[in-house]
C-alpha atoms as a PDB file:
ATOM      1  CA  MET A   1       0.757  14.801  11.574  1.00  0.00           C
ATOM      2  CA  LEU A   2       2.269  11.635  10.626  1.00  0.00           C
ATOM      3  CA  SER A   3       6.060  11.965   8.822  1.00  0.00           C
ATOM      4  CA  CYS A   4       6.796  10.322   5.537  1.00  0.00           C
ATOM      5  CA  LYS A   5       8.206   7.771   6.887  1.00  0.00           C
ATOM      6  CA  GLU A   6       5.443   6.764   9.592  1.00  0.00           C
ATOM      7  CA  VAL A   7       3.282   6.747   6.446  1.00  0.00           C
ATOM      8  CA  THR A   8       5.169   4.258   4.201  1.00  0.00           C
ATOM      9  CA  HIS A   9       5.298   2.031   7.234  1.00  0.00           C
ATOM     10  CA  LEU A  10       1.738   2.272   7.613  1.00  0.00           C
ATOM     11  CA  LEU A  11       0.820   1.632   4.332  1.00  0.00           C
ATOM     12  CA  SER A  12       3.125  -1.541   4.371  1.00  0.00           C
ATOM     13  CA  GLU A  13       1.395  -2.640   7.344  1.00  0.00           C
ATOM     14  CA  SER A  14      -1.993  -2.062   5.932  1.00  0.00           C
ATOM     15  CA  GLN A  15      -1.089  -5.235   3.311  1.00  0.00           C
ATOM     16  CA  ASP A  16      -1.158  -7.584   6.553  1.00  0.00           C
ATOM     17  CA  ARG A  17      -3.399  -5.870   8.532  1.00  0.00           C
ATOM     18  CA  LYS A  18      -6.572  -4.165   9.291  1.00  0.00           C
ATOM     19  CA  LEU A  19      -5.488  -0.432  10.129  1.00  0.00           C
ATOM     20  CA  THR A  20      -7.256   1.187  13.195  1.00  0.00           C
ATOM     21  CA  LEU A  21      -9.787   4.277  12.465  1.00  0.00           C
ATOM     22  CA  SER A  22      -7.545   6.527  13.594  1.00  0.00           C
ATOM     23  CA  GLU A  23      -4.796   5.345  11.894  1.00  0.00           C
ATOM     24  CA  LYS A  24      -6.390   5.280   8.489  1.00  0.00           C
ATOM     25  CA  MET A  25      -7.660   9.079   9.238  1.00  0.00           C
ATOM     26  CA  HIS A  26      -4.064  10.036   9.870  1.00  0.00           C
ATOM     27  CA  LEU A  27      -2.999   7.719   7.095  1.00  0.00           C
ATOM     28  CA  GLU A  28      -5.754   9.972   4.592  1.00  0.00           C
ATOM     29  CA  MET A  29      -4.772  13.328   5.889  1.00  0.00           C
ATOM     30  CA  HIS A  30      -1.292  13.196   5.050  1.00  0.00           C
ATOM     31  CA  LEU A  31      -1.841  11.447   1.729  1.00  0.00           C
ATOM     32  CA  ALA A  32      -4.243  14.239   0.744  1.00  0.00           C
ATOM     33  CA  MET A  33      -1.303  16.752   1.065  1.00  0.00           C
ATOM     34  CA  CYS A  34       1.892  14.908   0.316  1.00  0.00           C
ATOM     35  CA  LYS A  35       2.560  13.703  -3.462  1.00  0.00           C
ATOM     36  CA  GLY A  36       5.617  11.553  -2.653  1.00  0.00           C
ATOM     37  CA  CYS A  37       3.455   9.240  -0.173  1.00  0.00           C
ATOM     38  CA  THR A  38       0.649   9.086  -2.580  1.00  0.00           C
ATOM     39  CA  ASN A  39       2.930   8.032  -5.084  1.00  0.00           C
ATOM     40  CA  PHE A  40       4.941   5.398  -3.246  1.00  0.00           C
ATOM     41  CA  LYS A  41       0.819   4.276  -2.061  1.00  0.00           C
ATOM     42  CA  SER A  42       0.368   3.740  -6.045  1.00  0.00           C
ATOM     43  CA  GLN A  43       3.529   2.087  -6.552  1.00  0.00           C
ATOM     44  CA  MET A  44       2.906  -0.297  -3.538  1.00  0.00           C
ATOM     45  CA  LYS A  45      -0.669  -1.203  -5.623  1.00  0.00           C
ATOM     46  CA  PHE A  46       0.695  -1.592  -8.637  1.00  0.00           C
ATOM     47  CA  LEU A  47       3.804  -4.416  -7.502  1.00  0.00           C
ATOM     48  CA  ARG A  48       1.032  -6.081  -5.347  1.00  0.00           C
ATOM     49  CA  GLU A  49      -1.178  -6.138  -8.575  1.00  0.00           C
ATOM     50  CA  ALA A  50       1.495  -7.553 -10.678  1.00  0.00           C
ATOM     51  CA  CYS A  51       2.425 -10.017  -8.018  1.00  0.00           C
ATOM     52  CA  LYS A  52      -0.736 -11.692  -8.009  1.00  0.00           C
ATOM     53  CA  ARG A  53      -1.207 -11.622 -11.610  1.00  0.00           C
ATOM     54  CA  TYR A  54       2.185 -13.445 -12.006  1.00  0.00           C
ATOM     55  CA  VAL A  55       1.584 -16.165  -9.470  1.00  0.00           C
ATOM     56  CA  LYS A  56      -1.862 -16.518 -11.444  1.00  0.00           C
ATOM     57  CA  ALA A  57      -0.166 -16.846 -14.935  1.00  0.00           C
ATOM     58  CA  LYS A  58       2.841 -18.988 -13.495  1.00  0.00           C
ATOM     59  CA  SER A  59      -0.198 -21.764 -11.451  1.00  0.00           C
ATOM     60  CA  SER A  60      -2.038 -21.467 -15.313  1.00  0.00           C
ATOM     61  CA  VAL A  61       1.065 -22.849 -17.130  1.00  0.00           C
ATOM     62  CA  ASP A  62       1.808 -25.261 -14.338  1.00  0.00           C
ATOM     63  CA  GLU A  63      -1.506 -27.161 -14.577  1.00  0.00           C
END
């Protein structure tokens, strides 16, 4: 079983590379049981989307 520290690391890694099948399975198993890591994953997703929207809006203004 992965620790919360390992899960947060894998979630960060998943932004830069494809996770292996084993990593995905372990990650999903942990997320199914851990509300804290599930919240962390949601927050990461929100921040990533906010950054994308900011860059898109900024590039529209600069044109």
